Each structure stands twice: as C-alpha cells, then as structure tokens.
C-alpha atoms as a PDB file:
ATOM      1  CA  MET A   1     -33.763-183.687 302.156  1.00  0.00           C
ATOM      2  CA  LEU A   2     -32.576-180.767 304.231  1.00  0.00           C
ATOM      3  CA  LYS A   3     -30.061-179.754 301.635  1.00  0.00           C
ATOM      4  CA  LYS A   4     -32.733-179.870 298.924  1.00  0.00           C
ATOM      5  CA  PHE A   5     -35.181-177.796 301.041  1.00  0.00           C
ATOM      6  CA  THR A   6     -32.345-175.163 301.785  1.00  0.00           C
ATOM      7  CA  ILE A   7     -31.775-174.881 297.986  1.00  0.00           C
ATOM      8  CA  VAL A   8     -35.393-174.462 297.260  1.00  0.00           C
ATOM      9  CA  LEU A   9     -35.802-171.875 300.120  1.00  0.00           C
ATOM     10  CA  ALA A  10     -32.680-169.925 298.708  1.00  0.00           C
ATOM     11  CA  ALA A  11     -34.055-169.975 295.217  1.00  0.00           C
ATOM     12  CA  SER A  12     -37.492-168.762 296.478  1.00  0.00           C
ATOM     13  CA  ALA A  13     -35.823-165.987 298.487  1.00  0.00           C
ATOM     14  CA  ALA A  14     -33.833-164.930 295.412  1.00  0.00           C
ATOM     15  CA  ALA A  15     -36.947-164.792 293.353  1.00  0.00           C
ATOM     16  CA  LEU A  16     -38.697-162.777 295.895  1.00  0.00           C
ATOM     17  CA  ILE A  17     -35.741-160.265 296.071  1.00  0.00           C
ATOM     18  CA  ALA A  18     -35.646-160.107 292.280  1.00  0.00           C
ATOM     19  CA  ALA A  19     -39.383-159.441 292.055  1.00  0.00           C
ATOM     20  CA  THR A  20     -39.212-156.768 294.839  1.00  0.00           C
ATOM     21  CA  SER A  21     -36.213-155.136 293.054  1.00  0.00           C
ATOM     22  CA  ALA A  22     -38.157-155.097 289.768  1.00  0.00           C
ATOM     23  CA  GLY A  23     -41.101-153.545 291.520  1.00  0.00           C
ATOM     24  CA  MET A  24     -38.906-151.080 293.190  1.00  0.00           C
ATOM     25  CA  ALA A  25     -36.757-150.159 290.129  1.00  0.00           C
ATOM     26  CA  GLN A  26     -35.529-146.660 290.291  1.00  0.00           C
ATOM     27  CA  THR A  27     -36.013-144.421 287.194  1.00  0.00           C
ATOM     28  CA  LYS A  28     -33.337-141.771 286.745  1.00  0.00           C
ATOM     29  CA  LEU A  29     -34.279-138.431 285.250  1.00  0.00           C
ATOM     30  CA  LYS A  30     -32.513-135.435 284.088  1.00  0.00           C
ATOM     31  CA  TRP A  31     -33.842-131.875 284.983  1.00  0.00           C
ATOM     32  CA  ALA A  32     -32.030-128.994 283.285  1.00  0.00           C
ATOM     33  CA  HIS A  33     -31.986-125.156 283.359  1.00  0.00           C
ATOM     34  CA  VAL A  34     -29.623-122.297 282.620  1.00  0.00           C
ATOM     35  CA  TYR A  35     -29.686-120.357 285.944  1.00  0.00           C
ATOM     36  CA  GLU A  36     -26.964-120.142 288.604  1.00  0.00           C
ATOM     37  CA  THR A  37     -26.909-122.420 291.626  1.00  0.00           C
ATOM     38  CA  SER A  38     -27.548-119.415 293.907  1.00  0.00           C
ATOM     39  CA  GLU A  39     -30.873-118.635 292.234  1.00  0.00           C
ATOM     40  CA  PRO A  40     -34.224-119.781 293.619  1.00  0.00           C
ATOM     41  CA  PHE A  41     -34.971-121.631 290.315  1.00  0.00           C
ATOM     42  CA  HIS A  42     -32.096-124.028 291.198  1.00  0.00           C
ATOM     43  CA  THR A  43     -32.515-124.377 294.907  1.00  0.00           C
ATOM     44  CA  ALA A  44     -36.309-125.010 294.510  1.00  0.00           C
ATOM     45  CA  SER A  45     -35.628-127.485 291.664  1.00  0.00           C
ATOM     46  CA  VAL A  46     -33.220-129.476 293.964  1.00  0.00           C
ATOM     47  CA  TRP A  47     -35.890-129.488 296.710  1.00  0.00           C
ATOM     48  CA  ALA A  48     -38.542-130.655 294.211  1.00  0.00           C
ATOM     49  CA  ALA A  49     -36.312-133.415 292.836  1.00  0.00           C
ATOM     50  CA  GLN A  50     -35.756-134.719 296.236  1.00  0.00           C
ATOM     51  CA  GLU A  51     -39.282-134.276 297.384  1.00  0.00           C
ATOM     52  CA  ILE A  52     -40.572-136.161 294.353  1.00  0.00           C
ATOM     53  CA  GLY A  53     -38.202-138.982 295.408  1.00  0.00           C
ATOM     54  CA  LYS A  54     -39.644-139.084 298.868  1.00  0.00           C
ATOM     55  CA  ARG A  55     -43.262-138.903 297.766  1.00  0.00           C
ATOM     56  CA  THR A  56     -42.760-141.795 295.216  1.00  0.00           C
ATOM     57  CA  ASN A  57     -40.863-143.971 297.758  1.00  0.00           C
ATOM     58  CA  GLY A  58     -37.602-143.509 295.853  1.00  0.00           C
ATOM     59  CA  ARG A  59     -38.874-144.770 292.570  1.00  0.00           C
ATOM     60  CA  TYR A  60     -37.489-141.635 290.850  1.00  0.00           C
ATOM     61  CA  GLN A  61     -34.068-140.193 291.178  1.00  0.00           C
ATOM     62  CA  ILE A  62     -33.992-136.769 289.602  1.00  0.00           C
ATOM     63  CA  ASP A  63     -30.581-135.036 288.941  1.00  0.00           C
ATOM     64  CA  VAL A  64     -30.747-131.309 288.396  1.00  0.00           C
ATOM     65  CA  TYR A  65     -28.304-129.785 285.982  1.00  0.00           C
ATOM     66  CA  PRO A  66     -27.905-125.928 286.398  1.00  0.00           C
ATOM     67  CA  ALA A  67     -26.117-123.145 284.700  1.00  0.00           C
ATOM     68  CA  SER A  68     -26.380-124.429 281.064  1.00  0.00           C
ATOM     69  CA  GLN A  69     -24.489-127.684 281.931  1.00  0.00           C
ATOM     70  CA  LEU A  70     -26.683-129.459 279.386  1.00  0.00           C
ATOM     71  CA  GLY A  71     -26.674-126.686 276.878  1.00  0.00           C
ATOM     72  CA  LYS A  72     -28.219-123.132 276.434  1.00  0.00           C
ATOM     73  CA  GLU A  73     -31.911-122.612 276.598  1.00  0.00           C
ATOM     74  CA  SER A  74     -32.654-123.600 273.067  1.00  0.00           C
ATOM     75  CA  ASP A  75     -30.617-126.793 273.583  1.00  0.00           C
ATOM     76  CA  ILE A  76     -32.511-127.996 276.659  1.00  0.00           C
ATOM     77  CA  ASN A  77     -35.847-127.290 274.919  1.00  0.00           C
ATOM     78  CA  GLN A  78     -34.665-129.410 272.064  1.00  0.00           C
ATOM     79  CA  GLY A  79     -33.496-132.094 274.657  1.00  0.00           C
ATOM     80  CA  LEU A  80     -37.071-132.623 275.748  1.00  0.00           C
ATOM     81  CA  SER A  81     -38.030-133.867 272.122  1.00  0.00           C
ATOM     82  CA  LEU A  82     -34.749-135.712 271.687  1.00  0.00           C
ATOM     83  CA  GLY A  83     -35.260-137.622 274.824  1.00  0.00           C
ATOM     84  CA  THR A  84     -31.942-136.537 276.291  1.00  0.00           C
ATOM     85  CA  ILE A  85     -33.746-134.397 278.981  1.00  0.00           C
ATOM     86  CA  ASP A  86     -36.787-135.162 280.957  1.00  0.00           C
ATOM     87  CA  MET A  87     -37.718-131.922 282.779  1.00  0.00           C
ATOM     88  CA  ILE A  88     -36.679-128.270 282.229  1.00  0.00           C
ATOM     89  CA  ILE A  89     -37.313-124.757 283.548  1.00  0.00           C
ATOM     90  CA  SER A  90     -37.618-122.329 280.540  1.00  0.00           C
ATOM     91  CA  GLY A  91     -39.474-119.274 279.363  1.00  0.00           C
ATOM     92  CA  SER A  92     -42.528-119.323 277.117  1.00  0.00           C
ATOM     93  CA  SER A  93     -40.438-117.307 274.686  1.00  0.00           C
ATOM     94  CA  PHE A  94     -38.594-120.713 273.819  1.00  0.00           C
ATOM     95  CA  ALA A  95     -41.786-122.730 273.967  1.00  0.00           C
ATOM     96  CA  ALA A  96     -43.047-120.339 271.323  1.00  0.00           C
ATOM     97  CA  ARG A  97     -40.474-121.616 268.845  1.00  0.00           C
ATOM     98  CA  SER A  98     -42.673-124.814 268.757  1.00  0.00           C
ATOM     99  CA  TYR A  99     -46.089-123.144 269.327  1.00  0.00           C
ATOM    100  CA  ALA A 100     -45.842-119.372 268.540  1.00  0.00           C
ATOM    101  CA  PRO A 101     -49.070-118.140 270.298  1.00  0.00           C
ATOM    102  CA  ILE A 102     -47.748-119.121 273.794  1.00  0.00           C
ATOM    103  CA  GLY A 103     -45.048-116.456 273.436  1.00  0.00           C
ATOM    104  CA  VAL A 104     -47.585-113.545 273.433  1.00  0.00           C
ATOM    105  CA  THR A 105     -46.731-112.848 277.067  1.00  0.00           C
ATOM    106  CA  TYR A 106     -43.321-111.620 275.901  1.00  0.00           C
ATOM    107  CA  TYR A 107     -44.702-108.933 273.869  1.00  0.00           C
ATOM    108  CA  PRO A 108     -43.420-105.815 275.669  1.00  0.00           C
ATOM    109  CA  TYR A 109     -45.539-104.242 278.410  1.00  0.00           C
ATOM    110  CA  THR A 110     -48.186-107.026 278.308  1.00  0.00           C
ATOM    111  CA  PHE A 111     -48.293-107.201 282.067  1.00  0.00           C
ATOM    112  CA  THR A 112     -48.657-104.408 284.567  1.00  0.00           C
ATOM    113  CA  GLY A 113     -46.835-106.314 287.269  1.00  0.00           C
ATOM    114  CA  ALA A 114     -46.365-109.594 289.164  1.00  0.00           C
ATOM    115  CA  ASP A 115     -50.072-109.762 290.249  1.00  0.00           C
ATOM    116  CA  HIS A 116     -51.232-109.326 286.681  1.00  0.00           C
ATOM    117  CA  LEU A 117     -48.920-112.219 285.589  1.00  0.00           C
ATOM    118  CA  LEU A 118     -50.325-114.352 288.540  1.00  0.00           C
ATOM    119  CA  ALA A 119     -53.854-113.656 287.223  1.00  0.00           C
ATOM    120  CA  TYR A 120     -52.724-114.966 283.800  1.00  0.00           C
ATOM    121  CA  THR A 121     -51.375-118.190 285.070  1.00  0.00           C
ATOM    122  CA  LYS A 122     -54.736-118.985 286.626  1.00  0.00           C
ATOM    123  CA  SER A 123     -56.783-117.916 283.618  1.00  0.00           C
ATOM    124  CA  ASP A 124     -58.501-119.709 280.717  1.00  0.00           C
ATOM    125  CA  VAL A 125     -56.256-118.053 278.319  1.00  0.00           C
ATOM    126  CA  PHE A 126     -53.071-119.550 279.799  1.00  0.00           C
ATOM    127  CA  LYS A 127     -54.782-122.993 279.994  1.00  0.00           C
ATOM    128  CA  GLU A 128     -55.701-122.761 276.314  1.00  0.00           C
ATOM    129  CA  LEU A 129     -52.207-121.749 275.289  1.00  0.00           C
ATOM    130  CA  ALA A 130     -50.580-124.448 277.388  1.00  0.00           C
ATOM    131  CA  LYS A 131     -52.866-126.959 275.892  1.00  0.00           C
ATOM    132  CA  GLY A 132     -51.975-125.740 272.342  1.00  0.00           C
ATOM    133  CA  TYR A 133     -48.329-126.178 273.226  1.00  0.00           C
ATOM    134  CA  GLU A 134     -48.800-129.621 274.555  1.00  0.00           C
ATOM    135  CA  GLU A 135     -50.791-130.680 271.425  1.00  0.00           C
ATOM    136  CA  LYS A 136     -47.949-129.407 269.235  1.00  0.00           C
ATOM    137  CA  THR A 137     -45.181-130.928 271.179  1.00  0.00           C
ATOM    138  CA  THR A 138     -46.535-133.544 273.620  1.00  0.00           C
ATOM    139  CA  HIS A 139     -44.626-131.623 276.392  1.00  0.00           C
ATOM    140  CA  HIS A 140     -46.743-130.780 279.551  1.00  0.00           C
ATOM    141  CA  ILE A 141     -46.275-127.555 281.496  1.00  0.00           C
ATOM    142  CA  VAL A 142     -46.879-128.456 285.219  1.00  0.00           C
ATOM    143  CA  ALA A 143     -45.960-125.051 286.916  1.00  0.00           C
ATOM    144  CA  VAL A 144     -45.254-121.403 286.349  1.00  0.00           C
ATOM    145  CA  THR A 145     -42.644-119.379 288.327  1.00  0.00           C
ATOM    146  CA  TYR A 146     -42.468-115.624 288.487  1.00  0.00           C
ATOM    147  CA  TYR A 147     -39.148-114.532 287.192  1.00  0.00           C
ATOM    148  CA  GLY A 148     -39.183-110.855 287.638  1.00  0.00           C
ATOM    149  CA  VAL A 149     -39.444-107.703 285.681  1.00  0.00           C
ATOM    150  CA  ARG A 150     -36.862-107.294 283.048  1.00  0.00           C
ATOM    151  CA  HIS A 151     -34.747-104.051 283.034  1.00  0.00           C
ATOM    152  CA  THR A 152     -31.832-102.958 280.978  1.00  0.00           C
ATOM    153  CA  THR A 153     -28.246-102.547 282.229  1.00  0.00           C
ATOM    154  CA  SER A 154     -25.933-100.513 280.202  1.00  0.00           C
ATOM    155  CA  ASN A 155     -22.607 -98.616 280.026  1.00  0.00           C
ATOM    156  CA  ARG A 156     -24.392 -95.784 278.245  1.00  0.00           C
ATOM    157  CA  ALA A 157     -27.309 -94.096 279.916  1.00  0.00           C
ATOM    158  CA  PHE A 158     -30.646 -93.390 278.117  1.00  0.00           C
ATOM    159  CA  LYS A 159     -33.919 -92.080 279.400  1.00  0.00           C
ATOM    160  CA  ASN A 160     -36.227 -92.749 276.404  1.00  0.00           C
ATOM    161  CA  CYS A 161     -36.707 -94.828 273.464  1.00  0.00           C
ATOM    162  CA  GLU A 162     -35.013 -92.507 270.974  1.00  0.00           C
ATOM    163  CA  GLU A 163     -31.713 -92.468 273.091  1.00  0.00           C
ATOM    164  CA  MET A 164     -31.488 -96.196 272.682  1.00  0.00           C
ATOM    165  CA  LYS A 165     -30.759 -95.806 269.003  1.00  0.00           C
ATOM    166  CA  GLY A 166     -27.477 -97.575 268.002  1.00  0.00           C
ATOM    167  CA  LEU A 167     -27.042 -99.182 271.391  1.00  0.00           C
ATOM    168  CA  LYS A 168     -25.336-102.606 271.170  1.00  0.00           C
ATOM    169  CA  ILE A 169     -27.447-104.782 273.450  1.00  0.00           C
ATOM    170  CA  ARG A 170     -27.527-108.434 274.036  1.00  0.00           C
ATOM    171  CA  VAL A 171     -30.775-110.110 274.134  1.00  0.00           C
ATOM    172  CA  PRO A 172     -31.854-113.850 274.390  1.00  0.00           C
ATOM    173  CA  ASP A 173     -31.887-115.917 271.201  1.00  0.00           C
ATOM    174  CA  ALA A 174     -35.773-115.710 270.944  1.00  0.00           C
ATOM    175  CA  PRO A 175     -37.763-113.323 268.787  1.00  0.00           C
ATOM    176  CA  ALA A 176     -39.924-111.728 271.566  1.00  0.00           C
ATOM    177  CA  TYR A 177     -36.902-110.116 273.195  1.00  0.00           C
ATOM    178  CA  LEU A 178     -36.052-108.164 270.096  1.00  0.00           C
ATOM    179  CA  ALA A 179     -39.260-106.284 270.065  1.00  0.00           C
ATOM    180  CA  MET A 180     -38.461-103.345 272.462  1.00  0.00           C
ATOM    181  CA  PRO A 181     -34.835-102.740 271.630  1.00  0.00           C
ATOM    182  CA  ARG A 182     -35.471-102.872 267.852  1.00  0.00           C
ATOM    183  CA  ALA A 183     -38.535-100.638 268.054  1.00  0.00           C
ATOM    184  CA  CYS A 184     -36.166 -98.015 269.665  1.00  0.00           C
ATOM    185  CA  GLY A 185     -33.423 -98.516 267.044  1.00  0.00           C
ATOM    186  CA  ALA A 186     -30.934-100.598 269.141  1.00  0.00           C
ATOM    187  CA  ASN A 187     -28.534-103.026 267.630  1.00  0.00           C
ATOM    188  CA  THR A 188     -29.459-106.389 268.999  1.00  0.00           C
ATOM    189  CA  THR A 189     -27.065-109.246 269.479  1.00  0.00           C
ATOM    190  CA  PRO A 190     -28.101-112.746 270.665  1.00  0.00           C
ATOM    191  CA  ILE A 191     -25.199-114.054 272.853  1.00  0.00           C
ATOM    192  CA  ALA A 192     -25.402-117.361 274.924  1.00  0.00           C
ATOM    193  CA  PHE A 193     -26.418-116.674 278.433  1.00  0.00           C
ATOM    194  CA  ALA A 194     -23.250-118.096 279.911  1.00  0.00           C
ATOM    195  CA  GLU A 195     -21.139-115.761 277.706  1.00  0.00           C
ATOM    196  CA  VAL A 196     -22.926-112.505 278.493  1.00  0.00           C
ATOM    197  CA  TYR A 197     -20.662-111.299 281.359  1.00  0.00           C
ATOM    198  CA  LEU A 198     -17.426-111.619 279.112  1.00  0.00           C
ATOM    199  CA  ALA A 199     -19.279-109.776 276.330  1.00  0.00           C
ATOM    200  CA  LEU A 200     -20.042-106.932 278.491  1.00  0.00           C
ATOM    201  CA  GLN A 201     -16.672-106.884 280.131  1.00  0.00           C
ATOM    202  CA  ASN A 202     -14.858-106.833 276.696  1.00  0.00           C
ATOM    203  CA  GLY A 203     -17.246-104.413 275.106  1.00  0.00           C
ATOM    204  CA  THR A 204     -18.693-106.726 272.451  1.00  0.00           C
ATOM    205  CA  VAL A 205     -22.001-105.208 273.681  1.00  0.00           C
ATOM    206  CA  ASP A 206     -22.870-102.108 275.722  1.00  0.00           C
ATOM    207  CA  ALA A 207     -25.976-103.467 277.414  1.00  0.00           C
ATOM    208  CA  GLN A 208     -28.114-106.443 278.296  1.00  0.00           C
ATOM    209  CA  GLU A 209     -31.616-106.896 279.810  1.00  0.00           C
ATOM    210  CA  ASN A 210     -32.726-109.186 282.636  1.00  0.00           C
ATOM    211  CA  PRO A 211     -34.599-109.279 285.893  1.00  0.00           C
ATOM    212  CA  LEU A 212     -32.805-107.673 288.719  1.00  0.00           C
ATOM    213  CA  THR A 213     -32.280-111.019 290.506  1.00  0.00           C
ATOM    214  CA  THR A 214     -30.390-112.329 287.489  1.00  0.00           C
ATOM    215  CA  ILE A 215     -28.335-109.166 287.166  1.00  0.00           C
ATOM    216  CA  GLU A 216     -27.190-109.856 290.709  1.00  0.00           C
ATOM    217  CA  ALA A 217     -26.782-113.615 290.337  1.00  0.00           C
ATOM    218  CA  LYS A 218     -24.845-113.315 287.118  1.00  0.00           C
ATOM    219  CA  LYS A 219     -22.815-110.355 288.568  1.00  0.00           C
ATOM    220  CA  PHE A 220     -23.525-108.170 285.523  1.00  0.00           C
ATOM    221  CA  PHE A 221     -23.400-105.194 287.901  1.00  0.00           C
ATOM    222  CA  GLU A 222     -19.527-105.601 288.064  1.00  0.00           C
ATOM    223  CA  VAL A 223     -19.272-104.656 284.378  1.00  0.00           C
ATOM    224  CA  GLN A 224     -22.083-102.098 283.927  1.00  0.00           C
ATOM    225  CA  LYS A 225     -22.538 -98.559 285.011  1.00  0.00           C
ATOM    226  CA  TYR A 226     -26.308 -97.985 284.728  1.00  0.00           C
ATOM    227  CA  ILE A 227     -29.550 -99.867 285.488  1.00  0.00           C
ATOM    228  CA  ILE A 228     -32.332 -98.462 283.368  1.00  0.00           C
ATOM    229  CA  LEU A 229     -35.761 -99.300 284.648  1.00  0.00           C
ATOM    230  CA  THR A 230     -37.349-100.123 281.406  1.00  0.00           C
ATOM    231  CA  GLY A 231     -39.637-102.816 282.865  1.00  0.00           C
ATOM    232  CA  HIS A 232     -40.428-103.998 279.499  1.00  0.00           C
ATOM    233  CA  ILE A 233     -41.353-107.599 280.232  1.00  0.00           C
ATOM    234  CA  VAL A 234     -42.824-109.207 283.354  1.00  0.00           C
ATOM    235  CA  ASP A 235     -41.133-112.504 282.935  1.00  0.00           C
ATOM    236  CA  HIS A 236     -41.981-116.026 284.004  1.00  0.00           C
ATOM    237  CA  LEU A 237     -40.564-119.493 283.675  1.00  0.00           C
ATOM    238  CA  ASN A 238     -42.381-122.682 282.930  1.00  0.00           C
ATOM    239  CA  THR A 239     -41.660-126.055 284.488  1.00  0.00           C
ATOM    240  CA  VAL A 240     -41.927-128.518 281.621  1.00  0.00           C
ATOM    241  CA  ILE A 241     -42.162-132.337 281.551  1.00  0.00           C
ATOM    242  CA  SER A 242     -41.221-134.032 278.367  1.00  0.00           C
ATOM    243  CA  GLY A 243     -44.024-135.782 276.443  1.00  0.00           C
ATOM    244  CA  ALA A 244     -42.228-139.132 276.715  1.00  0.00           C
ATOM    245  CA  LEU A 245     -41.977-138.962 280.497  1.00  0.00           C
ATOM    246  CA  TRP A 246     -45.555-137.549 280.985  1.00  0.00           C
ATOM    247  CA  ALA A 247     -46.962-140.465 278.960  1.00  0.00           C
ATOM    248  CA  LYS A 248     -45.235-143.016 281.201  1.00  0.00           C
ATOM    249  CA  LEU A 249     -46.241-141.453 284.474  1.00  0.00           C
ATOM    250  CA  SER A 250     -49.280-143.002 286.325  1.00  0.00           C
ATOM    251  CA  ASP A 251     -52.185-140.730 287.370  1.00  0.00           C
ATOM    252  CA  GLU A 252     -50.898-140.823 290.819  1.00  0.00           C
ATOM    253  CA  ASP A 253     -47.304-139.894 289.831  1.00  0.00           C
ATOM    254  CA  ARG A 254     -48.599-137.228 287.587  1.00  0.00           C
ATOM    255  CA  LYS A 255     -50.307-135.743 290.497  1.00  0.00           C
ATOM    256  CA  ILE A 256     -47.256-135.894 292.666  1.00  0.00           C
ATOM    257  CA  PHE A 257     -44.987-134.315 289.958  1.00  0.00           C
ATOM    258  CA  THR A 258     -47.525-131.525 289.439  1.00  0.00           C
ATOM    259  CA  GLU A 259     -48.127-130.729 293.068  1.00  0.00           C
ATOM    260  CA  VAL A 260     -44.317-130.676 293.943  1.00  0.00           C
ATOM    261  CA  ALA A 261     -43.451-128.648 290.930  1.00  0.00           C
ATOM    262  CA  GLN A 262     -46.170-126.026 291.798  1.00  0.00           C
ATOM    263  CA  GLU A 263     -45.035-125.933 295.419  1.00  0.00           C
ATOM    264  CA  ALA A 264     -41.509-125.279 294.137  1.00  0.00           C
ATOM    265  CA  ALA A 265     -42.640-122.623 291.838  1.00  0.00           C
ATOM    266  CA  ALA A 266     -44.547-120.881 294.615  1.00  0.00           C
ATOM    267  CA  LYS A 267     -41.492-120.882 296.756  1.00  0.00           C
ATOM    268  CA  SER A 268     -39.277-119.358 294.017  1.00  0.00           C
ATOM    269  CA  SER A 269     -41.853-116.714 293.180  1.00  0.00           C
ATOM    270  CA  ILE A 270     -42.042-115.470 296.808  1.00  0.00           C
ATOM    271  CA  GLN A 271     -38.248-115.424 297.041  1.00  0.00           C
ATOM    272  CA  ILE A 272     -37.944-113.479 293.754  1.00  0.00           C
ATOM    273  CA  ARG A 273     -40.455-110.930 294.645  1.00  0.00           C
ATOM    274  CA  ASP A 274     -38.861-110.302 298.037  1.00  0.00           C
ATOM    275  CA  ARG A 275     -35.402-110.066 296.652  1.00  0.00           C
ATOM    276  CA  GLU A 276     -36.408-107.694 293.867  1.00  0.00           C
ATOM    277  CA  LYS A 277     -37.570-105.159 296.536  1.00  0.00           C
ATOM    278  CA  GLN A 278     -34.043-105.074 298.021  1.00  0.00           C
ATOM    279  CA  LEU A 279     -31.856-104.972 294.954  1.00  0.00           C
ATOM    280  CA  LEU A 280     -31.971-101.333 293.847  1.00  0.00           C
ATOM    281  CA  GLU A 281     -30.348-100.282 296.982  1.00  0.00           C
ATOM    282  CA  PHE A 282     -27.840-103.093 296.623  1.00  0.00           C
ATOM    283  CA  PHE A 283     -26.932-101.961 293.222  1.00  0.00           C
ATOM    284  CA  ARG A 284     -26.596 -98.296 294.352  1.00  0.00           C
ATOM    285  CA  GLN A 285     -24.139 -99.408 297.023  1.00  0.00           C
ATOM    286  CA  LYS A 286     -22.201-101.286 294.288  1.00  0.00           C
ATOM    287  CA  GLY A 287     -21.781 -97.889 292.538  1.00  0.00           C
ATOM    288  CA  LEU A 288     -24.343 -98.191 289.773  1.00  0.00           C
ATOM    289  CA  THR A 289     -26.631 -95.267 288.766  1.00  0.00           C
ATOM    290  CA  ILE A 290     -30.308 -96.185 288.696  1.00  0.00           C
ATOM    291  CA  VAL A 291     -32.261 -94.429 285.814  1.00  0.00           C
ATOM    292  CA  GLU A 292     -35.985 -93.899 285.962  1.00  0.00           C
ATOM    293  CA  VAL A 293     -37.675 -93.727 282.571  1.00  0.00           C
ATOM    294  CA  ASP A 294     -41.174 -93.009 281.227  1.00  0.00           C
ATOM    295  CA  THR A 295     -42.223 -96.580 280.259  1.00  0.00           C
ATOM    296  CA  LYS A 296     -45.094 -95.089 278.382  1.00  0.00           C
ATOM    297  CA  ASP A 297     -42.756 -93.677 275.756  1.00  0.00           C
ATOM    298  CA  PHE A 298     -41.354 -97.210 275.177  1.00  0.00           C
ATOM    299  CA  ARG A 299     -44.782 -98.880 275.226  1.00  0.00           C
ATOM    300  CA  GLU A 300     -46.041 -96.577 272.552  1.00  0.00           C
ATOM    301  CA  ASN A 301     -43.064 -97.134 270.244  1.00  0.00           C
ATOM    302  CA  VAL A 302     -43.408-100.910 270.606  1.00  0.00           C
ATOM    303  CA  LEU A 303     -47.188-100.862 269.715  1.00  0.00           C
ATOM    304  CA  LYS A 304     -46.546 -98.563 266.803  1.00  0.00           C
ATOM    305  CA  ASN A 305     -43.519-100.378 265.386  1.00  0.00           C
ATOM    306  CA  VAL A 306     -43.940-104.125 266.242  1.00  0.00           C
ATOM    307  CA  ASN A 307     -46.865-106.156 264.825  1.00  0.00           C
ATOM    308  CA  PHE A 308     -48.129-109.131 266.814  1.00  0.00           C
ATOM    309  CA  GLU A 309     -48.387-111.224 263.677  1.00  0.00           C
ATOM    310  CA  THR A 310     -44.614-110.774 263.103  1.00  0.00           C
ATOM    311  CA  PHE A 311     -43.999-113.247 265.951  1.00  0.00           C
ATOM    312  CA  GLY A 312     -47.103-115.386 265.294  1.00  0.00           C
ATOM    313  CA  TYR A 313     -48.930-114.083 268.209  1.00  0.00           C
ATOM    314  CA  ARG A 314     -52.647-113.507 268.306  1.00  0.00           C
ATOM    315  CA  LYS A 315     -53.732-110.118 269.313  1.00  0.00           C
ATOM    316  CA  ALA A 316     -56.997-111.554 270.544  1.00  0.00           C
ATOM    317  CA  ASP A 317     -55.000-113.518 273.215  1.00  0.00           C
ATOM    318  CA  TRP A 318     -53.140-110.303 274.221  1.00  0.00           C
ATOM    319  CA  ASP A 319     -56.426-108.475 274.529  1.00  0.00           C
ATOM    320  CA  ARG A 320     -57.854-111.164 276.775  1.00  0.00           C
ATOM    321  CA  ILE A 321     -54.672-110.896 279.053  1.00  0.00           C
ATOM    322  CA  GLN A 322     -55.133-107.043 279.084  1.00  0.00           C
ATOM    323  CA  ALA A 323     -58.606-107.535 280.488  1.00  0.00           C
ATOM    324  CA  LEU A 324     -57.524-109.758 283.408  1.00  0.00           C
ATOM    325  CA  LYS A 325     -57.704-108.135 286.822  1.00  0.00           C
ATOM    326  CA  PRO A 326     -54.411-108.470 288.889  1.00  0.00           C
ATOM    327  CA  VAL A 327     -54.782-110.870 291.885  1.00  0.00           C
ATOM    328  CA  THR A 328     -52.977-110.691 295.169  1.00  0.00           C
ATOM    329  CA  ASN A 329     -50.998-113.879 296.047  1.00  0.00           C
END
C-alpha cells in the first residue's frame, strides 16, 4: 500500500513539475542590429533584453546580435518577415523599402536638430506613418532613438555643393541617402557598413557620411583627413518587433516590451547627444581638419534637384514635419 502511495505521489509530483515547466517555458528571441558593441544602441539593447527577461519573470530570453552578425541592414529587415529575427534596430530609410512614405524623414535637411526630431516622434504624423508601415508589413515600431546628425568625412576637402562634384562617396544602400550627394554631382557607391573602413583605406571611395558617434565607433577618422559638417540628415533608429512576435504577445507583455524599449531608446538618445558635443575636439586631436559649410547652399540644391515623389515620399508629410515646433527633452 505504501509502495503504491509512493508511486502515485511521485507521479503527481512529476505531473506538477511538467505543468509548471510548461507554464514557465522560456521563449528565445533574436534581436539584431549593425552597430558596434561600444555604441549605445548595443549597450542599451543588451540592457533592454535583460530587463524584459526580468519583468516577464524569465519567460523571454533575448540574445542581441550586434555588428552585422546576422547580416547587413537590408538583411535584418528582411529577417523580420522571414521569421529568422524577432527584433531589430534600424533606420526608417530601410523601413521605407516596404512602406515608402515613412522614409520622408531622410529627405535632406528635413529637421533643424535633435529637438525637432523629438517633436516628430511625438507627433500625429509619426503615428500615422508608423501605422502605415505596420499595416503594410505587420511589424510594430515600439521606440525611436536619436542617432545623430549625419556629416561627411573625406580625403578631399569641399566647402559647397559644387565642390562635391565627382567625389566618390559611400552611402548606405537606401535611396534617401543618395539625395544630397547626387544633387551635388558626387558619385555614390553603396558599400556594406562592415566594409566601409577598408573601402576608405584602400581608396575604393574618397568619402562617407555618418553621425559623429559612428565615425568614432567605426574608426573612420583613422583613414580620413576631413570632417565636413554638412549636417544633411538628422537621423534616428527605430526599434521594431516582428509582426509574428507582436501577434503572440499578450497585452501585458506588449506593454513591457514597449516600455523597456522606450526606456532603452531614451538612454541611448541622451548618450548620443552628450557624446556628439565632445567629438569635434576629439577628431581635431586625432589630426583631422573640421570644415564648416553653408548648409543653405546644400539644402537649396537638394530642393531644386530632388523630387519628393522620386522616393515615394509625400510632400504633405514633409510640410507637416516642417511646421512642428522643436521640443526640449
């Protein structure tokens, strides 16, 4: 009798453990981006991944893959739809491949600065564009991070749009980045992000463009002579959850993922803005020449030579963004 009771008790315990394990089953997720491990985008992502794990009592294990480990930016965007990647950090210029209007923020000289961009991320126009992107792709944008103002580095100095003519410049493989260089007659070359340093070093291209923090992180200053303050795009990155994952999340988990992603984005944005203020002096100390330019000249050439509809943007959206008043964070 005792033996039978023991067997029944053991079976009950095993069943209870199995039920508990099923209820506590851990879901493993992949979070990918193309940025270096030293950059705030990565460190904040790692923090967010761990924080989501904590706030969901360990129901999610999120592994972060930096520095193009799961492919270049176009690849990780595609990974969301293929189901091979669950979360990414990526620019709206790449989201625009699926839903063109959201890329309007990459039309050169759209924003006056970080505070103007911040106003956009809180605006109805952003909400409408994000909704349009989600309706087209099913993917959900949960947060926006300030990436920085994009400037040009080069081994050939220039001070105006005309002097860019014939310059071999690397730009990301997305149409919006072509606008300013091509409006000024430069020869644009889309080279994978991970290969840009070598392309600059061996002279495949003369120049590239990125925010100052990326110029530092990727060490482009080691193979360039000038930083030209073109300030042509005030950039941002979206934290995007795949439609497949978003559909599976409970309302409670959606709230956790969103809140943590937004906290991480806020941390990154503050770090980026603070570091930008220090970097010009850092680059001077590294021996680079900082070149000031009249951005009005570049802006006028872009407006004259680059049609919004060329990229599938809506000028009405751009006009609404222009009307937004910058806010202080």
